[in-house]
Amino acid sequence: MFVPRGVDVPSLDQDKLWDYTPLKNLKAGQLLVGGDMLGSTFENDLFSEHRIMVSPKITGRIVEVMPAG
């Protein structure tokens, strides 16, 4: 869902533990760049999938892929 400019949406609670689901095609040694998706978590009924992505100015290789949880 696109959130237009000027709309104030509260961010995710960073103190809560979230259930993480990694993408199935991630492998150790794979190169990632800003904007690549790592996985997702359930956010709420309005946004059922919150995508977890690489920050825009980061590039690197995956060291280890953690299981869902």
PDB file of N, CA and C in Angstrom:
ATOM      1  N   MET A   1       0.838  -1.161   0.000  1.00  0.00           N
ATOM      2  CA  MET A   1       0.000   0.000   0.000  1.00  0.00           C
ATOM      3  C   MET A   1       0.893   1.237   0.000  1.00  0.00           C
ATOM      4  N   PHE A   2       0.602   2.206  -0.837  1.00  0.00           N
ATOM      5  CA  PHE A   2       1.358   3.455  -0.922  1.00  0.00           C
ATOM      6  C   PHE A   2       0.821   4.449   0.097  1.00  0.00           C
ATOM      7  N   VAL A   3       1.727   5.025   0.874  1.00  0.00           N
ATOM      8  CA  VAL A   3       1.342   6.042   1.850  1.00  0.00           C
ATOM      9  C   VAL A   3       1.755   7.387   1.263  1.00  0.00           C
ATOM     10  N   PRO A   4       0.810   8.235   0.896  1.00  0.00           N
ATOM     11  CA  PRO A   4       1.134   9.508   0.247  1.00  0.00           C
ATOM     12  C   PRO A   4       1.835  10.485   1.192  1.00  0.00           C
ATOM     13  N   ARG A   5       2.523  11.431   0.597  1.00  0.00           N
ATOM     14  CA  ARG A   5       3.227  12.472   1.344  1.00  0.00           C
ATOM     15  C   ARG A   5       2.257  13.224   2.242  1.00  0.00           C
ATOM     16  N   GLY A   6       2.719  13.529   3.447  1.00  0.00           N
ATOM     17  CA  GLY A   6       1.910  14.291   4.385  1.00  0.00           C
ATOM     18  C   GLY A   6       1.054  13.440   5.308  1.00  0.00           C
ATOM     19  N   VAL A   7       0.964  12.132   5.042  1.00  0.00           N
ATOM     20  CA  VAL A   7       0.179  11.246   5.894  1.00  0.00           C
ATOM     21  C   VAL A   7       1.100  10.715   6.982  1.00  0.00           C
ATOM     22  N   ASP A   8       0.710  10.863   8.236  1.00  0.00           N
ATOM     23  CA  ASP A   8       1.518  10.416   9.364  1.00  0.00           C
ATOM     24  C   ASP A   8       1.067   9.023   9.780  1.00  0.00           C
ATOM     25  N   VAL A   9       1.949   8.041   9.585  1.00  0.00           N
ATOM     26  CA  VAL A   9       1.657   6.660   9.959  1.00  0.00           C
ATOM     27  C   VAL A   9       2.660   6.251  11.030  1.00  0.00           C
ATOM     28  N   PRO A  10       2.201   5.739  12.165  1.00  0.00           N
ATOM     29  CA  PRO A  10       3.153   5.347  13.207  1.00  0.00           C
ATOM     30  C   PRO A  10       4.062   4.216  12.729  1.00  0.00           C
ATOM     31  N   SER A  11       5.324   4.274  13.136  1.00  0.00           N
ATOM     32  CA  SER A  11       6.272   3.243  12.740  1.00  0.00           C
ATOM     33  C   SER A  11       6.080   1.994  13.595  1.00  0.00           C
ATOM     34  N   LEU A  12       6.751   0.916  13.190  1.00  0.00           N
ATOM     35  CA  LEU A  12       6.665  -0.325  13.944  1.00  0.00           C
ATOM     36  C   LEU A  12       7.294  -0.154  15.320  1.00  0.00           C
ATOM     37  N   ASP A  13       6.742  -0.838  16.297  1.00  0.00           N
ATOM     38  CA  ASP A  13       7.276  -0.835  17.655  1.00  0.00           C
ATOM     39  C   ASP A  13       8.612  -1.581  17.648  1.00  0.00           C
ATOM     40  N   GLN A  14       9.709  -0.868  17.929  1.00  0.00           N
ATOM     41  CA  GLN A  14      11.025  -1.478  17.871  1.00  0.00           C
ATOM     42  C   GLN A  14      11.378  -2.262  19.136  1.00  0.00           C
ATOM     43  N   ASP A  15      10.526  -2.183  20.164  1.00  0.00           N
ATOM     44  CA  ASP A  15      10.761  -2.953  21.383  1.00  0.00           C
ATOM     45  C   ASP A  15      10.046  -4.308  21.355  1.00  0.00           C
ATOM     46  N   LYS A  16       9.135  -4.489  20.417  1.00  0.00           N
ATOM     47  CA  LYS A  16       8.376  -5.739  20.300  1.00  0.00           C
ATOM     48  C   LYS A  16       9.189  -6.759  19.511  1.00  0.00           C
ATOM     49  N   LEU A  17       9.064  -8.026  19.856  1.00  0.00           N
ATOM     50  CA  LEU A  17       9.683  -9.090  19.068  1.00  0.00           C
ATOM     51  C   LEU A  17       8.722  -9.482  17.952  1.00  0.00           C
ATOM     52  N   TRP A  18       9.194  -9.438  16.707  1.00  0.00           N
ATOM     53  CA  TRP A  18       8.369  -9.707  15.542  1.00  0.00           C
ATOM     54  C   TRP A  18       8.730 -11.072  14.967  1.00  0.00           C
ATOM     55  N   ASP A  19       7.732 -11.815  14.466  1.00  0.00           N
ATOM     56  CA  ASP A  19       7.986 -13.070  13.763  1.00  0.00           C
ATOM     57  C   ASP A  19       8.506 -12.749  12.375  1.00  0.00           C
ATOM     58  N   TYR A  20       9.689 -13.269  12.041  1.00  0.00           N
ATOM     59  CA  TYR A  20      10.369 -12.987  10.780  1.00  0.00           C
ATOM     60  C   TYR A  20      10.265 -14.182   9.854  1.00  0.00           C
ATOM     61  N   THR A  21       9.938 -13.928   8.591  1.00  0.00           N
ATOM     62  CA  THR A  21       9.904 -14.970   7.573  1.00  0.00           C
ATOM     63  C   THR A  21      10.877 -14.584   6.462  1.00  0.00           C
ATOM     64  N   PRO A  22      12.042 -15.270   6.358  1.00  0.00           N
ATOM     65  CA  PRO A  22      13.006 -14.923   5.315  1.00  0.00           C
ATOM     66  C   PRO A  22      12.502 -15.359   3.944  1.00  0.00           C
ATOM     67  N   LEU A  23      13.013 -14.695   2.891  1.00  0.00           N
ATOM     68  CA  LEU A  23      12.710 -15.152   1.536  1.00  0.00           C
ATOM     69  C   LEU A  23      13.332 -16.521   1.331  1.00  0.00           C
ATOM     70  N   LYS A  24      12.690 -17.366   0.567  1.00  0.00           N
ATOM     71  CA  LYS A  24      13.166 -18.739   0.368  1.00  0.00           C
ATOM     72  C   LYS A  24      14.419 -18.814  -0.508  1.00  0.00           C
ATOM     73  N   ASN A  25      14.654 -17.795  -1.345  1.00  0.00           N
ATOM     74  CA  ASN A  25      15.779 -17.874  -2.289  1.00  0.00           C
ATOM     75  C   ASN A  25      17.069 -17.249  -1.748  1.00  0.00           C
ATOM     76  N   LEU A  26      17.113 -16.838  -0.476  1.00  0.00           N
ATOM     77  CA  LEU A  26      18.326 -16.258   0.090  1.00  0.00           C
ATOM     78  C   LEU A  26      19.330 -17.352   0.406  1.00  0.00           C
ATOM     79  N   LYS A  27      20.614 -17.112   0.028  1.00  0.00           N
ATOM     80  CA  LYS A  27      21.663 -18.090   0.277  1.00  0.00           C
ATOM     81  C   LYS A  27      22.913 -17.384   0.782  1.00  0.00           C
ATOM     82  N   ALA A  28      23.682 -18.047   1.639  1.00  0.00           N
ATOM     83  CA  ALA A  28      24.942 -17.491   2.121  1.00  0.00           C
ATOM     84  C   ALA A  28      25.845 -17.182   0.928  1.00  0.00           C
ATOM     85  N   GLY A  29      26.496 -16.018   0.966  1.00  0.00           N
ATOM     86  CA  GLY A  29      27.383 -15.599  -0.113  1.00  0.00           C
ATOM     87  C   GLY A  29      26.707 -14.757  -1.186  1.00  0.00           C
ATOM     88  N   GLN A  30      25.386 -14.705  -1.168  1.00  0.00           N
ATOM     89  CA  GLN A  30      24.637 -13.935  -2.164  1.00  0.00           C
ATOM     90  C   GLN A  30      24.862 -12.442  -1.955  1.00  0.00           C
ATOM     91  N   LEU A  31      25.085 -11.711  -3.049  1.00  0.00           N
ATOM     92  CA  LEU A  31      25.289 -10.271  -2.997  1.00  0.00           C
ATOM     93  C   LEU A  31      23.946  -9.558  -2.891  1.00  0.00           C
ATOM     94  N   LEU A  32      23.857  -8.604  -1.971  1.00  0.00           N
ATOM     95  CA  LEU A  32      22.652  -7.801  -1.802  1.00  0.00           C
ATOM     96  C   LEU A  32      23.000  -6.325  -1.936  1.00  0.00           C
ATOM     97  N   VAL A  33      22.071  -5.553  -2.459  1.00  0.00           N
ATOM     98  CA  VAL A  33      22.232  -4.103  -2.587  1.00  0.00           C
ATOM     99  C   VAL A  33      21.002  -3.428  -1.997  1.00  0.00           C
ATOM    100  N   GLY A  34      21.088  -2.115  -1.804  1.00  0.00           N
ATOM    101  CA  GLY A  34      19.983  -1.364  -1.246  1.00  0.00           C
ATOM    102  C   GLY A  34      18.682  -1.611  -1.986  1.00  0.00           C
ATOM    103  N   GLY A  35      17.634  -1.869  -1.244  1.00  0.00           N
ATOM    104  CA  GLY A  35      16.317  -2.107  -1.835  1.00  0.00           C
ATOM    105  C   GLY A  35      15.974  -3.567  -1.999  1.00  0.00           C
ATOM    106  N   ASP A  36      16.955  -4.465  -1.892  1.00  0.00           N
ATOM    107  CA  ASP A  36      16.659  -5.895  -1.988  1.00  0.00           C
ATOM    108  C   ASP A  36      15.841  -6.327  -0.773  1.00  0.00           C
ATOM    109  N   MET A  37      14.900  -7.216  -0.994  1.00  0.00           N
ATOM    110  CA  MET A  37      14.045  -7.695   0.089  1.00  0.00           C
ATOM    111  C   MET A  37      14.697  -8.888   0.778  1.00  0.00           C
ATOM    112  N   LEU A  38      14.682  -8.890   2.113  1.00  0.00           N
ATOM    113  CA  LEU A  38      15.252  -9.979   2.901  1.00  0.00           C
ATOM    114  C   LEU A  38      14.182 -10.938   3.412  1.00  0.00           C
ATOM    115  N   GLY A  39      13.022 -10.398   3.731  1.00  0.00           N
ATOM    116  CA  GLY A  39      11.948 -11.204   4.284  1.00  0.00           C
ATOM    117  C   GLY A  39      10.777 -10.318   4.651  1.00  0.00           C
ATOM    118  N   SER A  40       9.914 -10.830   5.516  1.00  0.00           N
ATOM    119  CA  SER A  40       8.738 -10.066   5.904  1.00  0.00           C
ATOM    120  C   SER A  40       8.284 -10.469   7.303  1.00  0.00           C
ATOM    121  N   THR A  41       7.369  -9.657   7.840  1.00  0.00           N
ATOM    122  CA  THR A  41       6.740  -9.947   9.117  1.00  0.00           C
ATOM    123  C   THR A  41       5.288  -9.468   9.052  1.00  0.00           C
ATOM    124  N   PHE A  42       4.417 -10.072   9.855  1.00  0.00           N
ATOM    125  CA  PHE A  42       3.030  -9.614   9.918  1.00  0.00           C
ATOM    126  C   PHE A  42       2.999  -8.340  10.742  1.00  0.00           C
ATOM    127  N   GLU A  43       2.389  -7.294  10.210  1.00  0.00           N
ATOM    128  CA  GLU A  43       2.335  -6.008  10.913  1.00  0.00           C
ATOM    129  C   GLU A  43       0.992  -5.809  11.618  1.00  0.00           C
ATOM    130  N   ASN A  44      -0.095  -5.760  10.857  1.00  0.00           N
ATOM    131  CA  ASN A  44      -1.436  -5.589  11.419  1.00  0.00           C
ATOM    132  C   ASN A  44      -2.453  -5.964  10.348  1.00  0.00           C
ATOM    133  N   ASP A  45      -3.746  -5.782  10.625  1.00  0.00           N
ATOM    134  CA  ASP A  45      -4.774  -6.167   9.663  1.00  0.00           C
ATOM    135  C   ASP A  45      -4.788  -5.287   8.417  1.00  0.00           C
ATOM    136  N   LEU A  46      -4.312  -4.058   8.521  1.00  0.00           N
ATOM    137  CA  LEU A  46      -4.263  -3.169   7.367  1.00  0.00           C
ATOM    138  C   LEU A  46      -3.064  -3.479   6.481  1.00  0.00           C
ATOM    139  N   PHE A  47      -1.907  -3.687   7.090  1.00  0.00           N
ATOM    140  CA  PHE A  47      -0.688  -4.050   6.369  1.00  0.00           C
ATOM    141  C   PHE A  47      -0.288  -5.449   6.820  1.00  0.00           C
ATOM    142  N   SER A  48      -0.779  -6.469   6.142  1.00  0.00           N
ATOM    143  CA  SER A  48      -0.530  -7.834   6.599  1.00  0.00           C
ATOM    144  C   SER A  48       0.914  -8.267   6.379  1.00  0.00           C
ATOM    145  N   GLU A  49       1.609  -7.675   5.412  1.00  0.00           N
ATOM    146  CA  GLU A  49       3.002  -8.036   5.156  1.00  0.00           C
ATOM    147  C   GLU A  49       3.870  -6.789   5.234  1.00  0.00           C
ATOM    148  N   HIS A  50       4.746  -6.739   6.226  1.00  0.00           N
ATOM    149  CA  HIS A  50       5.714  -5.643   6.330  1.00  0.00           C
ATOM    150  C   HIS A  50       7.021  -6.172   5.770  1.00  0.00           C
ATOM    151  N   ARG A  51       7.474  -5.622   4.663  1.00  0.00           N
ATOM    152  CA  ARG A  51       8.688  -6.104   4.005  1.00  0.00           C
ATOM    153  C   ARG A  51       9.935  -5.585   4.712  1.00  0.00           C
ATOM    154  N   ILE A  52      10.884  -6.469   4.898  1.00  0.00           N
ATOM    155  CA  ILE A  52      12.172  -6.116   5.496  1.00  0.00           C
ATOM    156  C   ILE A  52      13.174  -6.061   4.359  1.00  0.00           C
ATOM    157  N   MET A  53      13.768  -4.873   4.180  1.00  0.00           N
ATOM    158  CA  MET A  53      14.628  -4.650   3.019  1.00  0.00           C
ATOM    159  C   MET A  53      16.000  -4.132   3.443  1.00  0.00           C
ATOM    160  N   VAL A  54      16.973  -4.255   2.532  1.00  0.00           N
ATOM    161  CA  VAL A  54      18.308  -3.713   2.752  1.00  0.00           C
ATOM    162  C   VAL A  54      18.216  -2.189   2.652  1.00  0.00           C
ATOM    163  N   SER A  55      18.898  -1.488   3.561  1.00  0.00           N
ATOM    164  CA  SER A  55      18.914  -0.026   3.532  1.00  0.00           C
ATOM    165  C   SER A  55      19.483   0.472   2.203  1.00  0.00           C
ATOM    166  N   PRO A  56      19.022   1.640   1.731  1.00  0.00           N
ATOM    167  CA  PRO A  56      19.393   2.124   0.391  1.00  0.00           C
ATOM    168  C   PRO A  56      20.888   2.247   0.111  1.00  0.00           C
ATOM    169  N   LYS A  57      21.701   2.595   1.098  1.00  0.00           N
ATOM    170  CA  LYS A  57      23.127   2.843   0.831  1.00  0.00           C
ATOM    171  C   LYS A  57      24.028   1.698   1.277  1.00  0.00           C
ATOM    172  N   ILE A  58      23.473   0.498   1.438  1.00  0.00           N
ATOM    173  CA  ILE A  58      24.254  -0.651   1.911  1.00  0.00           C
ATOM    174  C   ILE A  58      24.373  -1.698   0.808  1.00  0.00           C
ATOM    175  N   THR A  59      25.576  -2.258   0.691  1.00  0.00           N
ATOM    176  CA  THR A  59      25.836  -3.365  -0.220  1.00  0.00           C
ATOM    177  C   THR A  59      26.668  -4.389   0.541  1.00  0.00           C
ATOM    178  N   GLY A  60      26.403  -5.661   0.344  1.00  0.00           N
ATOM    179  CA  GLY A  60      27.197  -6.686   1.016  1.00  0.00           C
ATOM    180  C   GLY A  60      26.722  -8.074   0.658  1.00  0.00           C
ATOM    181  N   ARG A  61      27.380  -9.049   1.242  1.00  0.00           N
ATOM    182  CA  ARG A  61      27.037 -10.456   1.000  1.00  0.00           C
ATOM    183  C   ARG A  61      26.410 -11.061   2.256  1.00  0.00           C
ATOM    184  N   ILE A  62      25.501 -11.994   2.047  1.00  0.00           N
ATOM    185  CA  ILE A  62      24.841 -12.683   3.152  1.00  0.00           C
ATOM    186  C   ILE A  62      25.846 -13.614   3.824  1.00  0.00           C
ATOM    187  N   VAL A  63      25.940 -13.524   5.138  1.00  0.00           N
ATOM    188  CA  VAL A  63      26.819 -14.405   5.899  1.00  0.00           C
ATOM    189  C   VAL A  63      26.062 -15.661   6.326  1.00  0.00           C
ATOM    190  N   GLU A  64      24.834 -15.464   6.815  1.00  0.00           N
ATOM    191  CA  GLU A  64      24.026 -16.579   7.297  1.00  0.00           C
ATOM    192  C   GLU A  64      22.557 -16.219   7.156  1.00  0.00           C
ATOM    193  N   VAL A  65      21.732 -17.188   6.776  1.00  0.00           N
ATOM    194  CA  VAL A  65      20.287 -16.984   6.702  1.00  0.00           C
ATOM    195  C   VAL A  65      19.670 -17.677   7.904  1.00  0.00           C
ATOM    196  N   MET A  66      18.986 -16.880   8.738  1.00  0.00           N
ATOM    197  CA  MET A  66      18.348 -17.420   9.930  1.00  0.00           C
ATOM    198  C   MET A  66      16.985 -17.999   9.568  1.00  0.00           C
ATOM    199  N   PRO A  67      16.545 -19.035  10.279  1.00  0.00           N
ATOM    200  CA  PRO A  67      15.226 -19.610   9.986  1.00  0.00           C
ATOM    201  C   PRO A  67      14.105 -18.675  10.421  1.00  0.00           C
ATOM    202  N   ALA A  68      12.905 -18.982   9.964  1.00  0.00           N
ATOM    203  CA  ALA A  68      11.737 -18.199  10.358  1.00  0.00           C
ATOM    204  C   ALA A  68      11.581 -18.253  11.863  1.00  0.00           C
ATOM    205  N   GLY A  69      11.043 -17.167  12.399  1.00  0.00           N
ATOM    206  CA  GLY A  69      10.809 -17.144  13.844  1.00  0.00           C
ATOM    207  C   GLY A  69      10.949 -15.758  14.409  1.00  0.00           C
TER     208      GLY A  69
END
